[in-house]
Each structure stands twice: as C-alpha cells, then as structure tokens.
C-alpha atoms as a PDB file:
ATOM      1  CA  MET A   1      -4.761  -4.331  28.207  1.00  0.00           C
ATOM      2  CA  GLU A   2      -7.544  -6.731  29.176  1.00  0.00           C
ATOM      3  CA  LYS A   3      -7.666 -10.010  27.294  1.00  0.00           C
ATOM      4  CA  ALA A   4     -11.371  -9.478  26.459  1.00  0.00           C
ATOM      5  CA  LYS A   5     -10.568  -6.154  24.759  1.00  0.00           C
ATOM      6  CA  ILE A   6      -7.737  -7.740  22.781  1.00  0.00           C
ATOM      7  CA  ARG A   7     -10.051 -10.565  21.673  1.00  0.00           C
ATOM      8  CA  SER A   8     -12.747  -8.084  20.672  1.00  0.00           C
ATOM      9  CA  PHE A   9     -10.203  -6.131  18.642  1.00  0.00           C
ATOM     10  CA  ARG A  10      -8.948  -9.318  16.977  1.00  0.00           C
ATOM     11  CA  THR A  11     -12.503 -10.367  16.096  1.00  0.00           C
ATOM     12  CA  ASN A  12     -13.180  -7.011  14.484  1.00  0.00           C
ATOM     13  CA  LEU A  13      -9.844  -7.101  12.676  1.00  0.00           C
ATOM     14  CA  ARG A  14     -10.641 -10.543  11.195  1.00  0.00           C
ATOM     15  CA  ARG A  15     -14.037  -9.274  10.049  1.00  0.00           C
ATOM     16  CA  PHE A  16     -12.378  -6.196   8.542  1.00  0.00           C
ATOM     17  CA  GLU A  17      -9.835  -8.369   6.690  1.00  0.00           C
ATOM     18  CA  ARG A  18     -12.550 -10.648   5.257  1.00  0.00           C
ATOM     19  CA  LEU A  19     -14.744  -7.736   4.176  1.00  0.00           C
ATOM     20  CA  LEU A  20     -11.862  -5.890   2.584  1.00  0.00           C
ATOM     21  CA  GLU A  21     -10.593  -8.996   0.779  1.00  0.00           C
ATOM     22  CA  SER A  22     -14.087  -9.638  -0.549  1.00  0.00           C
ATOM     23  CA  GLN A  23     -14.466  -6.059  -1.765  1.00  0.00           C
ATOM     24  CA  ILE A  24     -11.098  -6.120  -3.476  1.00  0.00           C
ATOM     25  CA  ARG A  25     -11.948  -9.354  -5.298  1.00  0.00           C
ATOM     26  CA  ASP A  26     -15.480  -8.321  -6.237  1.00  0.00           C
ATOM     27  CA  ALA A  27     -15.074  -4.667  -7.133  1.00  0.00           C
ATOM     28  CA  CYS A  28     -11.978  -4.792  -9.370  1.00  0.00           C
ATOM     29  CA  PHE A  29     -10.316  -2.217  -7.118  1.00  0.00           C
ATOM     30  CA  CYS A  30      -7.009  -2.675  -8.868  1.00  0.00           C
ATOM     31  CA  MET A  31      -8.328  -2.271 -12.412  1.00  0.00           C
ATOM     32  CA  GLY A  32      -6.612  -5.198 -14.118  1.00  0.00           C
ATOM     33  CA  VAL A  33      -3.350  -5.303 -12.191  1.00  0.00           C
ATOM     34  CA  SER A  34      -2.444  -7.596  -9.301  1.00  0.00           C
ATOM     35  CA  MET A  35      -2.749  -6.404  -5.718  1.00  0.00           C
ATOM     36  CA  ALA A  36       1.052  -6.190  -5.431  1.00  0.00           C
ATOM     37  CA  GLN A  37       1.273  -4.174  -8.649  1.00  0.00           C
ATOM     38  CA  CYS A  38      -1.562  -1.922  -7.490  1.00  0.00           C
ATOM     39  CA  HIS A  39       0.149  -1.185  -4.178  1.00  0.00           C
ATOM     40  CA  LEU A  40       3.454  -0.517  -5.907  1.00  0.00           C
ATOM     41  CA  LEU A  41       1.868   1.782  -8.505  1.00  0.00           C
ATOM     42  CA  LEU A  42       0.189   3.839  -5.794  1.00  0.00           C
ATOM     43  CA  GLU A  43       3.380   3.980  -3.728  1.00  0.00           C
ATOM     44  CA  ILE A  44       5.361   5.239  -6.717  1.00  0.00           C
ATOM     45  CA  GLU A  45       2.601   7.763  -7.382  1.00  0.00           C
ATOM     46  CA  ASP A  46       2.830   8.981  -3.774  1.00  0.00           C
ATOM     47  CA  GLN A  47       6.624   9.241  -3.841  1.00  0.00           C
ATOM     48  CA  GLY A  48       7.067  10.496  -7.382  1.00  0.00           C
ATOM     49  CA  GLU A  49      10.557   9.623  -8.559  1.00  0.00           C
ATOM     50  CA  THR A  50      12.003   6.988  -6.229  1.00  0.00           C
ATOM     51  CA  THR A  51      14.377   4.041  -5.915  1.00  0.00           C
ATOM     52  CA  ALA A  52      13.780   0.358  -5.237  1.00  0.00           C
ATOM     53  CA  ALA A  53      15.573   0.717  -1.885  1.00  0.00           C
ATOM     54  CA  VAL A  54      13.191   3.471  -0.765  1.00  0.00           C
ATOM     55  CA  LEU A  55      10.185   1.456  -1.950  1.00  0.00           C
ATOM     56  CA  SER A  56      11.453  -1.662  -0.195  1.00  0.00           C
ATOM     57  CA  GLU A  57      11.701   0.259   3.069  1.00  0.00           C
ATOM     58  CA  SER A  58       8.385   2.093   2.772  1.00  0.00           C
ATOM     59  CA  MET A  59       6.439  -1.003   1.722  1.00  0.00           C
ATOM     60  CA  GLY A  60       8.194  -3.459   4.018  1.00  0.00           C
ATOM     61  CA  LEU A  61       9.058  -5.814   1.145  1.00  0.00           C
ATOM     62  CA  ASP A  62      12.256  -7.695   0.477  1.00  0.00           C
ATOM     63  CA  LYS A  63      14.145  -6.510  -2.569  1.00  0.00           C
ATOM     64  CA  SER A  64      13.669  -9.690  -4.633  1.00  0.00           C
ATOM     65  CA  THR A  65       9.864  -9.608  -4.299  1.00  0.00           C
ATOM     66  CA  LEU A  66       9.837  -5.917  -5.069  1.00  0.00           C
ATOM     67  CA  SER A  67      12.166  -6.367  -8.046  1.00  0.00           C
ATOM     68  CA  ARG A  68       9.829  -8.921  -9.671  1.00  0.00           C
ATOM     69  CA  THR A  69       6.856  -6.578  -9.262  1.00  0.00           C
ATOM     70  CA  ILE A  70       8.847  -3.639 -10.649  1.00  0.00           C
ATOM     71  CA  ASP A  71       9.851  -5.804 -13.641  1.00  0.00           C
ATOM     72  CA  CYS A  72       6.150  -6.517 -14.311  1.00  0.00           C
ATOM     73  CA  LEU A  73       5.205  -2.836 -14.126  1.00  0.00           C
ATOM     74  CA  VAL A  74       8.062  -1.871 -16.445  1.00  0.00           C
ATOM     75  CA  GLY A  75       7.196  -4.714 -18.823  1.00  0.00           C
ATOM     76  CA  CYS A  76       3.546  -3.613 -18.930  1.00  0.00           C
ATOM     77  CA  GLY A  77       4.566  -0.028 -19.661  1.00  0.00           C
ATOM     78  CA  LEU A  78       3.214   1.337 -16.360  1.00  0.00           C
ATOM     79  CA  ALA A  79       6.580   2.353 -14.884  1.00  0.00           C
ATOM     80  CA  GLU A  80      10.019   3.133 -16.204  1.00  0.00           C
ATOM     81  CA  ARG A  81      13.556   2.897 -14.914  1.00  0.00           C
ATOM     82  CA  ARG A  82      16.283   5.391 -15.579  1.00  0.00           C
ATOM     83  CA  GLU A  83      19.772   5.894 -14.284  1.00  0.00           C
ATOM     84  CA  HIS A  84      20.154   8.024 -11.164  1.00  0.00           C
ATOM     85  CA  PRO A  85      21.945  11.225 -12.250  1.00  0.00           C
ATOM     86  CA  ASP A  86      24.102  11.421  -9.101  1.00  0.00           C
ATOM     87  CA  ASP A  87      24.790   7.765  -8.349  1.00  0.00           C
ATOM     88  CA  ARG A  88      24.977   5.149 -11.105  1.00  0.00           C
ATOM     89  CA  ARG A  89      24.492   2.357  -8.551  1.00  0.00           C
ATOM     90  CA  TYR A  90      20.820   3.376  -8.235  1.00  0.00           C
ATOM     91  CA  THR A  91      17.983   3.296 -10.701  1.00  0.00           C
ATOM     92  CA  LEU A  92      15.147   5.788 -10.462  1.00  0.00           C
ATOM     93  CA  LEU A  93      11.588   4.601 -10.919  1.00  0.00           C
ATOM     94  CA  THR A  94       8.747   6.747 -12.185  1.00  0.00           C
ATOM     95  CA  LEU A  95       5.297   6.156 -13.581  1.00  0.00           C
ATOM     96  CA  THR A  96       4.749   6.397 -17.302  1.00  0.00           C
ATOM     97  CA  GLU A  97       1.763   8.276 -18.673  1.00  0.00           C
ATOM     98  CA  GLN A  98      -0.032   4.927 -18.851  1.00  0.00           C
ATOM     99  CA  GLY A  99       0.921   4.271 -15.209  1.00  0.00           C
ATOM    100  CA  ARG A 100      -0.453   7.655 -14.135  1.00  0.00           C
ATOM    101  CA  LYS A 101      -3.713   6.883 -15.958  1.00  0.00           C
ATOM    102  CA  LYS A 102      -3.924   3.483 -14.251  1.00  0.00           C
ATOM    103  CA  CYS A 103      -3.420   5.163 -10.852  1.00  0.00           C
ATOM    104  CA  ALA A 104      -6.151   7.674 -11.680  1.00  0.00           C
ATOM    105  CA  GLU A 105      -8.537   4.787 -12.496  1.00  0.00           C
ATOM    106  CA  ILE A 106      -7.638   2.946  -9.293  1.00  0.00           C
ATOM    107  CA  ASN A 107      -8.016   6.107  -7.218  1.00  0.00           C
ATOM    108  CA  LEU A 108     -11.390   6.954  -8.774  1.00  0.00           C
ATOM    109  CA  VAL A 109     -12.897   3.531  -8.016  1.00  0.00           C
ATOM    110  CA  ASN A 110     -11.464   3.379  -4.509  1.00  0.00           C
ATOM    111  CA  ASP A 111     -12.362   6.977  -3.644  1.00  0.00           C
ATOM    112  CA  LYS A 112     -15.990   6.336  -4.614  1.00  0.00           C
ATOM    113  CA  TYR A 113     -16.099   3.159  -2.549  1.00  0.00           C
ATOM    114  CA  TYR A 114     -14.699   4.776   0.591  1.00  0.00           C
ATOM    115  CA  GLU A 115     -16.853   7.877   0.161  1.00  0.00           C
ATOM    116  CA  ASN A 116     -19.823   5.521   0.357  1.00  0.00           C
ATOM    117  CA  ILE A 117     -18.387   3.842   3.446  1.00  0.00           C
ATOM    118  CA  PHE A 118     -17.861   7.202   5.153  1.00  0.00           C
ATOM    119  CA  ARG A 119     -21.478   8.136   4.407  1.00  0.00           C
ATOM    120  CA  LEU A 120     -22.433   5.302   6.759  1.00  0.00           C
ATOM    121  CA  ILE A 121     -20.270   6.726   9.556  1.00  0.00           C
ATOM    122  CA  PRO A 122     -21.572   9.781  11.418  1.00  0.00           C
ATOM    123  CA  GLU A 123     -19.749  12.838  10.100  1.00  0.00           C
ATOM    124  CA  ASP A 124     -18.562  13.872  13.547  1.00  0.00           C
ATOM    125  CA  LYS A 125     -16.676  10.523  13.753  1.00  0.00           C
ATOM    126  CA  HIS A 126     -14.794  10.820  10.431  1.00  0.00           C
ATOM    127  CA  GLU A 127     -11.650  12.430  11.866  1.00  0.00           C
ATOM    128  CA  GLU A 128     -11.618  10.002  14.780  1.00  0.00           C
ATOM    129  CA  VAL A 129     -11.816   7.003  12.427  1.00  0.00           C
ATOM    130  CA  ILE A 130      -9.056   8.382  10.194  1.00  0.00           C
ATOM    131  CA  ARG A 131      -6.808   9.238  13.155  1.00  0.00           C
ATOM    132  CA  SER A 132      -7.377   5.897  14.898  1.00  0.00           C
ATOM    133  CA  PHE A 133      -6.776   3.903  11.746  1.00  0.00           C
ATOM    134  CA  GLY A 134      -3.579   5.888  11.132  1.00  0.00           C
ATOM    135  CA  SER A 135      -2.404   5.120  14.674  1.00  0.00           C
ATOM    136  CA  LEU A 136      -3.070   1.423  14.156  1.00  0.00           C
ATOM    137  CA  VAL A 137      -1.152   1.354  10.868  1.00  0.00           C
ATOM    138  CA  ASP A 138       1.757   3.318  12.392  1.00  0.00           C
ATOM    139  CA  SER A 139       1.943   0.867  15.303  1.00  0.00           C
ATOM    140  CA  LEU A 140       1.868  -2.138  12.974  1.00  0.00           C
ATOM    141  CA  MET A 141       4.649  -0.609  10.863  1.00  0.00           C
ATOM    142  CA  GLN A 142       6.753   0.123  13.931  1.00  0.00           C
ATOM    143  CA  ASP A 143       6.285  -3.431  15.204  1.00  0.00           C
ATOM    144  CA  ASN A 144       7.176  -4.811  11.767  1.00  0.00           C
ATOM    145  CA  ALA A 145      10.375  -2.746  11.648  1.00  0.00           C
ATOM    146  CA  GLU A 146      11.363  -3.901  15.143  1.00  0.00           C
ATOM    147  CA  ARG A 147      10.760  -7.542  14.229  1.00  0.00           C
ATOM    148  CA  LYS A 148      12.936  -7.195  11.130  1.00  0.00           C
ATOM    149  CA  LYS A 149      15.755  -5.733  13.250  1.00  0.00           C
ATOM    150  CA  GLN A 150      15.480  -8.650  15.680  1.00  0.00           C
ATOM    151  CA  ASP A 151      15.513 -11.174  12.832  1.00  0.00           C
ATOM    152  CA  LYS A 152      18.727  -9.631  11.444  1.00  0.00           C
ATOM    153  CA  CYS A 153      20.372  -9.793  14.855  1.00  0.00           C
ATOM    154  CA  SER A 154      19.420 -13.430  15.456  1.00  0.00           C
END
C-alpha cells in the first residue's frame, strides 16, 4: 500500500483515538466503573457464563491484569464466581443482578451516543462503516495474536 495512504489512515486513526478518549472521559460512558471494568462487564454480558481463561483470550489480556479486574467486579457486587460443575480447576464468572443493571446503563448511554453519530453518516453508508470497522478490528486482533505467538517463541 502507498505510504501516503498509510499516513492518511494513521492520521485519521489518531484523530479517532483522541475523539473517542475525550468522549469517554466527558460523557461518563462507563457509569462509575473504570474503563477496564466496563470492558470486562460488557464482555461477560456478551459471553454469559464464562471463565477467566476465555476472557483472557477474547480480550487479549494477561491473566494477572484480568484477575485484578475480576476481583474488583466481584468485590463491588457486579460479578460473581462459582465453581465449574465439570472441572473444579475452573471458576465460572457471571454477572449479578447489579452487574446486569450496570451493563444496561452503560449500553443505554453508549447506544444513544452512537445513534447520534450514525445520524451524521448517510444511511446508505451505515453497513459499509460497520463492515469496514469490523474488518479493521478483526485485522488488529489477528495481528495481536500473531505477535503474542512470536513473543512466546522468542
């Protein structure tokens, strides 16, 4: 790909990062929980009942970082641990009722924000934006996974 196109992409990505960071700080998108806790809550909501190993893989986090965030969510009463019925080596994580309510609050605020953003994009471009953004995220995740493999082999 041409260097000018790469630079243009990088410029837009930096602008996107700054705008998103600003919105997150200013709009209380995470409703009283940290960004890490917010992401973990929403991931648990998406997966339902899950394990720390599955969350570590899906979120690309090391287990110690993830464990500290899980401890905070459990301590705040937003998530709970219970023994895996088939394998005692694993602990299952689920949201508590309070955790589900917190996710609903987070989703409501964020859905409204992004509905407003999509109003500024021509309707015939919505699917293209969603598909392109998904492709970018998938590529970043694939690259991240490949880098982790290389780091383990080094």
